[in-house]
Structures are given as structure tokens and as C-alpha cells.
Amino acid sequence: MRWKYPGSLLLPLFLYHFCTGQILKVDKASIDSDSSHYFMGSLNMDFNLNNRATTEEQEVTFRGLSAHADMVYVAKRHAYLLINTINYFKSTGGPLISTGYAHFRINFLRRKKVSYEVFTQVQYDDGRRMPFRFLQGGGLRFNLKKNENTKLHIGVGAMFEREEWKSLEVEGEVIERNIWKTSNYASGQFTINEFVGFNVIGYYQGGYDYDSDLFRNRVSGDLILKVKLTEKLSFLTSFTLQYEDRPVIPINNLVYSLTNGMKWNF
């Protein structure tokens, strides 16, 4: 559903989000259309609950909740995108873990073969002891292929990233890093038929950490399979993955998640 909007738009940046790869869950094909001055949005929620008991006396449960809210305003020449995600996880005997991000992006000259992007993002990840990450940057977006069933894009750019990490060795110590990084991605949207399609995006971010005298690299990606149930309701299966070769603190290099849920378009 599209809502005509005659005036200008001021989009608020809601806190918090991000797993480091961003896939917009509204109909991205419409962003490249000739129509303009309309809103698009989607809301979806994923819930996981399982019981894995090792013995009858010892019960192990896992509960997870993820919520996503995306919004787009498509103007005549530009597009404004806001992507938000928040997650909660809890297992028996373990702490409540929360992660989230908000990502705001503007795509200038959206219908051109080569367009321009600027973005900003805030993020936190309690489970990995990262209370705050902020980044902002920009770059070029290349539209490689566009037809009824396939859309391919790549983006190249740069960003400034500030991170805060809680030390594992010194109680109460917060380690700060400010790094300039390259920020590149490749994305695709594929329609299998009128009911089934999937989106995929992969990111590479890397830069030199002068405080530690080394180069840090991060690779991340999202894959979303969508099955359309009605005009507004869809079933989603989402897989996200992130790898860092040299984390600021000694934590797992690789993290991933697999979730199932429902999405409502408006």
C-alpha cells in the first residue's frame, strides 16, 4: 500500500539497531520505480522458544524475540530509508541478552545507473560486551541489473566508526576505538514466482587501527527468504552472519542467527 504525501518529509532516527548487514524488508523494487512521493513500510516479529533438556531433572530452555520496523519515503529523485531491529535472548541460567540497531540512509538520484548514498547508524550488542557503536559515511551505488525477476547492486564507499567495548580483563574499563574504514557491499533481489522470493546482501568493512597498530576486517551478510501469504502478510526465514578477524576484545570471531517470523506490509 502506498500513501501519497504532498509535502516534504523529516524522518526521525529511532534507536537502536543493526547486525551489520542491512536488508530492507519492504518492496525494494518499488524504490526504483517511476512513481514518487509515497511511503512504504513493513513490520515483522520473530519468536523462538525451545526446550532442550539433558536429563529429566535439568531443563534447558531458550527464548528469543526479534522485532523489525522498516520505513521508506520515495521522492521524485531520492529515497530515504530507515531500518530498525531489536533482539532479546534468554536461556536457562544465563543473562538476558539484548542487541539492536537503527540505520538511516539516503539514496540520491535513485533511478540513475550510478547513484549516491549517505548513511548513519547506531548499534549495541550486550552479548558481545559492546554497549555502543556509531558510524557514518557515504559512497557510490551501481545498479548492475534490473528486470522483472532480478535486481543486482554493488556499493563502494568509506565511513568513520566509533566503538566502545567493555574489557574482559579490567572491571569497569571501556575500550574505545575510532577507525576510518572502507565500506562495500553487494546485494541482490530475486523473484522466483509471484509468491516466493529472496533478498541477499554481503558487506565488507575494513580499516587500520592506529591504537593497536593493525588492520581490522569485518565481513557480514543477510539472507531472507519470503513466502507471500496475502497481499500484506508474508512468512520470512532470515539468516545473518558476521565475521571479524581481529575483535577489539577476545570474543568469538563468528556469530550467526537463523529466525522465522511473519511480516506485515503497509
Protein backbone atom coordinates (compact mmCIF):
# COMPACT_ATOMS: atom_id res chain seq x y z
CA MET A 1 0.00 0.00 0.00
CA ARG A 2 1.33 3.45 -0.90
CA TRP A 3 0.36 6.69 0.78
CA LYS A 4 0.65 9.85 -1.30
CA TYR A 5 2.43 12.60 0.53
CA PRO A 6 2.36 16.12 -0.93
CA GLY A 7 4.95 17.83 1.24
CA SER A 8 8.49 17.38 2.48
CA LEU A 9 9.49 14.69 4.98
CA LEU A 10 11.54 14.73 8.16
CA LEU A 11 12.37 11.14 9.15
CA PRO A 12 13.30 10.53 12.78
CA LEU A 13 16.21 8.22 13.54
CA PHE A 14 14.95 5.69 16.07
CA LEU A 15 17.39 3.93 18.43
CA TYR A 16 18.58 1.22 18.26
CA HIS A 17 19.65 -1.38 15.58
CA PHE A 18 21.96 -3.45 13.48
CA CYS A 19 23.63 -6.80 12.98
CA THR A 20 25.96 -5.09 10.50
CA GLY A 21 24.27 -6.16 7.35
CA GLN A 22 21.04 -4.41 6.44
CA ILE A 23 18.28 -5.84 4.34
CA LEU A 24 15.25 -3.65 3.85
CA LYS A 25 12.14 -5.79 4.20
CA VAL A 26 9.74 -3.59 2.25
CA ASP A 27 9.32 -3.97 -1.50
CA LYS A 28 12.66 -2.62 -2.72
CA ALA A 29 11.61 -2.96 -6.35
CA SER A 30 9.23 -0.06 -5.91
CA ILE A 31 12.07 2.24 -4.81
CA ASP A 32 13.44 2.18 -8.37
CA SER A 33 10.04 2.81 -9.97
CA ASP A 34 8.97 5.95 -11.79
CA SER A 35 6.34 6.72 -9.14
CA SER A 36 7.25 9.18 -6.39
CA HIS A 37 6.03 10.90 -3.22
CA TYR A 38 4.87 7.83 -1.33
CA PHE A 39 5.59 5.91 1.87
CA MET A 40 6.30 2.21 2.19
CA GLY A 41 6.84 0.24 5.36
CA SER A 42 6.89 -3.17 7.00
CA LEU A 43 6.69 -4.63 10.49
CA ASN A 44 7.69 -8.16 11.40
CA MET A 45 8.31 -10.12 14.58
CA ASP A 46 10.12 -13.41 15.18
CA PHE A 47 9.75 -15.54 18.30
CA ASN A 48 11.76 -18.64 19.20
CA LEU A 49 11.11 -20.97 22.13
CA ASN A 50 12.68 -24.38 22.64
CA ASN A 51 13.32 -26.84 25.44
CA ARG A 52 16.48 -28.96 25.22
CA ALA A 53 16.67 -31.00 28.43
CA THR A 54 19.79 -33.08 29.03
CA THR A 55 18.03 -35.02 31.81
CA GLU A 56 14.56 -35.05 33.34
CA GLU A 57 15.92 -33.13 36.33
CA GLN A 58 17.74 -30.49 34.31
CA GLU A 59 15.61 -28.43 31.96
CA VAL A 60 17.25 -26.12 29.43
CA THR A 61 15.07 -23.56 27.68
CA PHE A 62 15.84 -20.85 25.16
CA ARG A 63 13.65 -17.86 24.38
CA GLY A 64 14.28 -15.31 21.65
CA LEU A 65 12.32 -12.33 20.37
CA SER A 66 13.20 -10.16 17.36
CA ALA A 67 11.30 -7.15 16.05
CA HIS A 68 11.92 -5.22 12.84
CA ALA A 69 10.43 -1.97 11.55
CA ASP A 70 11.39 -0.52 8.16
CA MET A 71 10.18 2.66 6.51
CA VAL A 72 10.87 4.29 3.14
CA TYR A 73 9.90 7.61 1.65
CA VAL A 74 10.35 7.74 -2.13
CA ALA A 75 10.66 11.24 -3.54
CA LYS A 76 10.92 12.14 -7.21
CA ARG A 77 14.72 11.92 -7.34
CA HIS A 78 15.80 10.48 -3.99
CA ALA A 79 14.83 7.76 -1.49
CA TYR A 80 15.01 7.91 2.32
CA LEU A 81 15.33 4.60 4.18
CA LEU A 82 15.08 3.80 7.88
CA ILE A 83 15.83 0.26 9.11
CA ASN A 84 15.35 -0.78 12.76
CA THR A 85 15.90 -4.08 14.57
CA ILE A 86 15.95 -5.13 18.22
CA ASN A 87 16.54 -8.62 19.66
CA TYR A 88 16.21 -10.27 23.08
CA PHE A 89 17.59 -13.69 24.05
CA LYS A 90 17.41 -15.67 27.29
CA SER A 91 18.49 -19.19 28.18
CA THR A 92 18.17 -21.12 31.42
CA GLY A 93 20.70 -19.86 33.96
CA GLY A 94 22.03 -17.21 31.58
CA PRO A 95 21.60 -13.45 31.44
CA LEU A 96 19.09 -11.58 29.30
CA ILE A 97 20.95 -10.53 26.16
CA SER A 98 19.82 -7.63 24.00
CA THR A 99 21.08 -6.36 20.65
CA GLY A 100 19.78 -3.71 18.31
CA TYR A 101 20.45 -1.03 15.73
CA ALA A 102 18.95 1.84 13.74
CA HIS A 103 20.22 2.58 10.24
CA PHE A 104 19.25 5.65 8.21
CA ARG A 105 20.27 6.01 4.56
CA ILE A 106 19.58 8.44 1.72
CA ASN A 107 19.92 7.30 -1.88
CA PHE A 108 20.38 10.35 -4.12
CA LEU A 109 19.41 10.11 -7.81
CA ARG A 110 17.91 6.71 -7.08
CA ARG A 111 16.97 5.83 -10.69
CA LYS A 112 20.38 6.53 -12.21
CA LYS A 113 22.82 3.82 -13.22
CA VAL A 114 25.24 5.33 -10.71
CA SER A 115 23.67 6.96 -7.66
CA TYR A 116 24.99 8.33 -4.36
CA GLU A 117 24.39 7.30 -0.76
CA VAL A 118 25.00 8.72 2.70
CA PHE A 119 24.21 6.80 5.88
CA THR A 120 24.43 6.80 9.65
CA GLN A 121 23.92 4.04 12.17
CA VAL A 122 23.81 3.39 15.92
CA GLN A 123 24.10 -0.08 17.42
CA TYR A 124 24.59 -2.02 20.63
CA ASP A 125 25.26 -5.68 21.45
CA ASP A 126 25.09 -6.66 25.14
CA GLY A 127 26.02 -10.27 24.47
CA ARG A 128 29.35 -9.30 22.91
CA ARG A 129 30.03 -6.57 25.51
CA MET A 130 29.65 -3.71 23.03
CA PRO A 131 27.41 -1.02 24.58
CA PHE A 132 27.79 1.43 21.71
CA ARG A 133 28.78 1.66 18.05
CA PHE A 134 28.27 4.72 15.86
CA LEU A 135 29.17 5.10 12.22
CA GLN A 136 28.54 7.47 9.35
CA GLY A 137 29.72 7.53 5.78
CA GLY A 138 28.80 7.57 2.12
CA GLY A 139 29.63 6.21 -1.29
CA LEU A 140 28.53 5.25 -4.78
CA ARG A 141 25.80 2.75 -5.66
CA PHE A 142 25.93 0.95 -9.02
CA ASN A 143 22.78 -0.60 -10.50
CA LEU A 144 24.15 -3.63 -12.34
CA LYS A 145 20.96 -5.35 -13.44
CA LYS A 146 17.28 -4.60 -13.28
CA ASN A 147 14.44 -6.66 -14.72
CA GLU A 148 11.18 -8.18 -13.52
CA ASN A 149 12.83 -11.03 -11.60
CA THR A 150 16.35 -9.89 -10.74
CA LYS A 151 17.95 -6.74 -9.35
CA LEU A 152 21.67 -6.52 -8.60
CA HIS A 153 23.59 -3.67 -6.95
CA ILE A 154 27.05 -3.01 -5.58
CA GLY A 155 28.19 -0.14 -3.38
CA VAL A 156 31.63 1.26 -2.64
CA GLY A 157 32.40 3.93 -0.09
CA ALA A 158 34.03 4.92 3.18
CA MET A 159 32.88 5.52 6.74
CA PHE A 160 34.02 6.62 10.18
CA GLU A 161 33.28 4.16 13.00
CA ARG A 162 33.41 4.66 16.77
CA GLU A 163 33.11 1.64 19.06
CA GLU A 164 33.01 1.13 22.82
CA TRP A 165 33.82 -2.29 24.29
CA LYS A 166 33.73 -3.49 27.90
CA SER A 167 37.05 -5.01 28.88
CA LEU A 168 37.12 -8.70 29.83
CA GLU A 169 40.23 -8.20 31.97
CA VAL A 170 39.61 -4.96 33.91
CA GLU A 171 36.24 -4.49 35.63
CA GLY A 172 34.59 -1.24 34.58
CA GLU A 173 37.11 -0.40 31.85
CA VAL A 174 35.70 0.67 28.47
CA ILE A 175 37.92 0.39 25.39
CA GLU A 176 37.24 2.98 22.68
CA ARG A 177 38.22 2.72 19.03
CA ASN A 178 37.83 5.37 16.30
CA ILE A 179 38.64 3.98 12.86
CA TRP A 180 38.20 5.13 9.26
CA LYS A 181 37.07 2.16 7.15
CA THR A 182 36.17 1.22 3.65
CA SER A 183 32.51 0.18 3.37
CA ASN A 184 31.47 -2.00 0.41
CA TYR A 185 28.51 -4.23 -0.33
CA ALA A 186 26.84 -6.38 -2.97
CA SER A 187 23.10 -7.03 -2.90
CA GLY A 188 20.52 -8.90 -4.92
CA GLN A 189 16.78 -9.28 -5.03
CA PHE A 190 15.39 -12.36 -6.79
CA THR A 191 11.77 -13.23 -7.55
CA ILE A 192 11.16 -16.94 -8.10
CA ASN A 193 7.42 -16.61 -8.71
CA GLU A 194 4.54 -14.40 -7.55
CA PHE A 195 4.66 -15.98 -4.07
CA VAL A 196 8.33 -16.72 -3.38
CA GLY A 197 11.43 -14.51 -3.48
CA PHE A 198 14.61 -13.81 -1.56
CA ASN A 199 17.00 -10.95 -0.81
CA VAL A 200 20.70 -11.27 -0.07
CA ILE A 201 23.36 -8.73 0.86
CA GLY A 202 27.02 -9.04 1.78
CA TYR A 203 29.22 -6.38 3.38
CA TYR A 204 32.94 -5.86 3.73
CA GLN A 205 34.31 -3.21 6.11
CA GLY A 206 37.99 -2.78 6.86
CA GLY A 207 40.36 -0.17 8.24
CA TYR A 208 43.61 0.44 10.06
CA ASP A 209 43.51 0.69 13.86
CA TYR A 210 46.36 3.04 14.77
CA ASP A 211 45.88 2.47 18.51
CA SER A 212 46.57 -1.26 18.12
CA ASP A 213 48.82 -0.94 15.03
CA LEU A 214 46.90 -3.48 12.95
CA PHE A 215 44.29 -3.79 10.23
CA ARG A 216 40.78 -4.90 11.23
CA ASN A 217 38.41 -6.61 8.78
CA ARG A 218 34.71 -7.40 9.09
CA VAL A 219 32.54 -9.47 6.73
CA SER A 220 28.79 -9.78 7.27
CA GLY A 221 25.67 -10.74 5.39
CA ASP A 222 21.94 -11.32 5.48
CA LEU A 223 19.74 -13.74 3.56
CA ILE A 224 15.95 -13.51 3.69
CA LEU A 225 13.52 -15.94 2.08
CA LYS A 226 9.99 -14.55 1.73
CA VAL A 227 6.81 -16.53 1.09
CA LYS A 228 3.80 -14.34 0.35
CA LEU A 229 0.63 -15.45 2.11
CA THR A 230 -1.65 -12.49 1.37
CA GLU A 231 -1.23 -9.03 -0.12
CA LYS A 232 0.02 -7.70 3.23
CA LEU A 233 1.20 -10.78 5.13
CA SER A 234 4.30 -12.88 4.42
CA PHE A 235 6.32 -15.62 6.10
CA LEU A 236 10.07 -14.94 6.44
CA THR A 237 13.12 -17.07 7.11
CA SER A 238 16.20 -14.96 7.89
CA PHE A 239 19.85 -15.92 8.25
CA THR A 240 22.52 -13.43 9.37
CA LEU A 241 26.25 -13.92 9.78
CA GLN A 242 29.19 -11.75 10.85
CA TYR A 243 32.93 -12.47 11.00
CA GLU A 244 35.67 -10.22 12.45
CA ASP A 245 39.27 -11.32 12.06
CA ARG A 246 40.63 -9.22 14.96
CA PRO A 247 37.97 -8.28 17.52
CA VAL A 248 38.85 -5.41 19.87
CA ILE A 249 38.34 -7.75 22.84
CA PRO A 250 38.89 -11.55 22.79
CA ILE A 251 35.42 -12.79 21.82
CA ASN A 252 34.16 -15.21 19.16
CA ASN A 253 35.15 -14.15 15.65
CA LEU A 254 32.00 -15.60 14.10
CA VAL A 255 28.37 -15.02 15.10
CA TYR A 256 25.21 -16.06 13.25
CA SER A 257 21.46 -16.42 13.72
CA LEU A 258 18.56 -18.15 11.99
CA THR A 259 15.00 -16.96 12.64
CA ASN A 260 11.48 -17.50 11.32
CA GLY A 261 8.66 -15.00 11.55
CA MET A 262 5.83 -13.04 9.95
CA LYS A 263 5.95 -9.70 8.12
CA TRP A 264 3.16 -7.19 7.60
CA ASN A 265 3.47 -4.60 4.82
CA PHE A 266 1.76 -1.24 4.93
